[in-house]
Amino acid sequence: MSQAISERERMTSKRQDSSPFERITYLELQLKSLDAAIILAPVESIAELYRQRLETLVELQSLYYGKNIGFEASRKDNGRRKRSRK
């Protein structure tokens, strides 16, 4: 598990220099990898893997929408949209 975390940190610094398309492709592959790791992981490490998956999803969402938002901002924004549709 610590190997996966160090690999993530190494790739994070590498991703900063790549194009948005390369970063999106990398993040989509990382999501698939994390999904497989969650299925195969022992119970003790599943929470950490889900945290990494959530961080990856938030970063991917910010790339798709061109915004640098965090998880909390995303939740608040969605709440406003739901209320305005009624």
C-alpha atoms as a PDB file:
ATOM      1  CA  MET A   1       0.000   0.000   0.000  1.00  0.00           C
ATOM      2  CA  SER A   2       2.794   2.442   0.822  1.00  0.00           C
ATOM      3  CA  GLN A   3       4.229   1.583  -2.580  1.00  0.00           C
ATOM      4  CA  ALA A   4       0.980   2.735  -4.224  1.00  0.00           C
ATOM      5  CA  ILE A   5       1.068   5.998  -2.269  1.00  0.00           C
ATOM      6  CA  SER A   6       4.696   6.726  -3.204  1.00  0.00           C
ATOM      7  CA  GLU A   7       3.900   5.876  -6.832  1.00  0.00           C
ATOM      8  CA  ARG A   8       0.983   8.330  -6.695  1.00  0.00           C
ATOM      9  CA  GLU A   9       3.214  11.095  -5.298  1.00  0.00           C
ATOM     10  CA  ARG A  10       5.832  10.479  -7.989  1.00  0.00           C
ATOM     11  CA  MET A  11       3.237  10.565 -10.745  1.00  0.00           C
ATOM     12  CA  THR A  12       1.580  13.671  -9.283  1.00  0.00           C
ATOM     13  CA  SER A  13       4.738  15.704  -9.757  1.00  0.00           C
ATOM     14  CA  LYS A  14       5.148  14.280 -13.259  1.00  0.00           C
ATOM     15  CA  ARG A  15       1.540  15.086 -14.200  1.00  0.00           C
ATOM     16  CA  GLN A  16       1.937  18.788 -13.472  1.00  0.00           C
ATOM     17  CA  ASP A  17       4.111  19.113 -16.599  1.00  0.00           C
ATOM     18  CA  SER A  18       1.786  17.225 -18.949  1.00  0.00           C
ATOM     19  CA  SER A  19      -1.047  18.484 -21.130  1.00  0.00           C
ATOM     20  CA  PRO A  20      -4.641  18.401 -19.825  1.00  0.00           C
ATOM     21  CA  PHE A  21      -5.476  15.538 -22.189  1.00  0.00           C
ATOM     22  CA  GLU A  22      -2.564  13.450 -20.865  1.00  0.00           C
ATOM     23  CA  ARG A  23      -3.583  14.210 -17.281  1.00  0.00           C
ATOM     24  CA  ILE A  24      -7.199  13.191 -17.958  1.00  0.00           C
ATOM     25  CA  THR A  25      -6.061   9.960 -19.586  1.00  0.00           C
ATOM     26  CA  TYR A  26      -3.740   9.230 -16.673  1.00  0.00           C
ATOM     27  CA  LEU A  27      -6.444   9.951 -14.089  1.00  0.00           C
ATOM     28  CA  GLU A  28      -8.973   7.723 -15.879  1.00  0.00           C
ATOM     29  CA  LEU A  29      -6.444   4.882 -15.877  1.00  0.00           C
ATOM     30  CA  GLN A  30      -5.695   5.531 -12.224  1.00  0.00           C
ATOM     31  CA  LEU A  31      -9.406   5.277 -11.387  1.00  0.00           C
ATOM     32  CA  LYS A  32      -9.561   1.853 -13.032  1.00  0.00           C
ATOM     33  CA  SER A  33      -6.458   0.798 -11.122  1.00  0.00           C
ATOM     34  CA  LEU A  34      -7.880   2.028  -7.814  1.00  0.00           C
ATOM     35  CA  ASP A  35     -11.170   0.225  -8.481  1.00  0.00           C
ATOM     36  CA  ALA A  36      -9.276  -3.031  -9.008  1.00  0.00           C
ATOM     37  CA  ALA A  37      -7.148  -2.394  -5.916  1.00  0.00           C
ATOM     38  CA  ILE A  38     -10.273  -1.783  -3.803  1.00  0.00           C
ATOM     39  CA  ILE A  39     -11.714  -5.128  -4.881  1.00  0.00           C
ATOM     40  CA  LEU A  40      -8.519  -7.007  -4.036  1.00  0.00           C
ATOM     41  CA  ALA A  41      -7.428  -5.027  -0.965  1.00  0.00           C
ATOM     42  CA  PRO A  42      -7.615  -6.255   2.612  1.00  0.00           C
ATOM     43  CA  VAL A  43     -10.313  -4.621   4.707  1.00  0.00           C
ATOM     44  CA  GLU A  44      -7.821  -2.450   6.626  1.00  0.00           C
ATOM     45  CA  SER A  45      -6.688  -0.535   3.533  1.00  0.00           C
ATOM     46  CA  ILE A  46      -9.996  -0.003   1.736  1.00  0.00           C
ATOM     47  CA  ALA A  47     -10.705   3.369   3.401  1.00  0.00           C
ATOM     48  CA  GLU A  48      -7.364   4.786   2.225  1.00  0.00           C
ATOM     49  CA  LEU A  49      -7.971   3.529  -1.309  1.00  0.00           C
ATOM     50  CA  TYR A  50     -11.426   5.142  -1.363  1.00  0.00           C
ATOM     51  CA  ARG A  51      -9.863   8.425  -0.184  1.00  0.00           C
ATOM     52  CA  GLN A  52      -7.375   8.261  -3.053  1.00  0.00           C
ATOM     53  CA  ARG A  53     -10.209   7.454  -5.454  1.00  0.00           C
ATOM     54  CA  LEU A  54     -12.191  10.483  -4.258  1.00  0.00           C
ATOM     55  CA  GLU A  55      -9.173  12.783  -4.671  1.00  0.00           C
ATOM     56  CA  THR A  56      -8.670  11.435  -8.192  1.00  0.00           C
ATOM     57  CA  LEU A  57     -12.328  11.997  -9.061  1.00  0.00           C
ATOM     58  CA  VAL A  58     -12.220  15.588  -7.784  1.00  0.00           C
ATOM     59  CA  GLU A  59      -9.087  16.312  -9.810  1.00  0.00           C
ATOM     60  CA  LEU A  60     -10.620  14.714 -12.896  1.00  0.00           C
ATOM     61  CA  GLN A  61     -13.796  16.762 -12.455  1.00  0.00           C
ATOM     62  CA  SER A  62     -11.792  19.965 -12.185  1.00  0.00           C
ATOM     63  CA  LEU A  63     -10.005  19.115 -15.438  1.00  0.00           C
ATOM     64  CA  TYR A  64     -13.256  18.325 -17.246  1.00  0.00           C
ATOM     65  CA  TYR A  65     -14.910  21.566 -16.168  1.00  0.00           C
ATOM     66  CA  GLY A  66     -11.798  23.747 -16.244  1.00  0.00           C
ATOM     67  CA  LYS A  67     -12.099  24.730 -12.607  1.00  0.00           C
ATOM     68  CA  ASN A  68      -9.850  24.097  -9.675  1.00  0.00           C
ATOM     69  CA  ILE A  69     -12.457  23.099  -7.119  1.00  0.00           C
ATOM     70  CA  GLY A  70     -12.390  20.909  -4.075  1.00  0.00           C
ATOM     71  CA  PHE A  71     -14.885  18.338  -2.900  1.00  0.00           C
ATOM     72  CA  GLU A  72     -16.793  20.746  -0.646  1.00  0.00           C
ATOM     73  CA  ALA A  73     -17.170  23.360  -3.390  1.00  0.00           C
ATOM     74  CA  SER A  74     -18.458  20.685  -5.727  1.00  0.00           C
ATOM     75  CA  ARG A  75     -21.119  19.583  -3.239  1.00  0.00           C
ATOM     76  CA  LYS A  76     -22.288  23.149  -2.613  1.00  0.00           C
ATOM     77  CA  ASP A  77     -22.464  23.886  -6.318  1.00  0.00           C
ATOM     78  CA  ASN A  78     -24.583  20.802  -6.996  1.00  0.00           C
ATOM     79  CA  GLY A  79     -26.965  21.766  -4.225  1.00  0.00           C
ATOM     80  CA  ARG A  80     -27.572  25.165  -5.802  1.00  0.00           C
ATOM     81  CA  ARG A  81     -28.272  23.614  -9.188  1.00  0.00           C
ATOM     82  CA  LYS A  82     -30.819  21.194  -7.767  1.00  0.00           C
ATOM     83  CA  ARG A  83     -32.718  23.967  -5.977  1.00  0.00           C
ATOM     84  CA  SER A  84     -32.788  26.223  -9.029  1.00  0.00           C
ATOM     85  CA  ARG A  85     -34.405  23.544 -11.199  1.00  0.00           C
ATOM     86  CA  LYS A  86     -37.524  23.270  -9.032  1.00  0.00           C
END
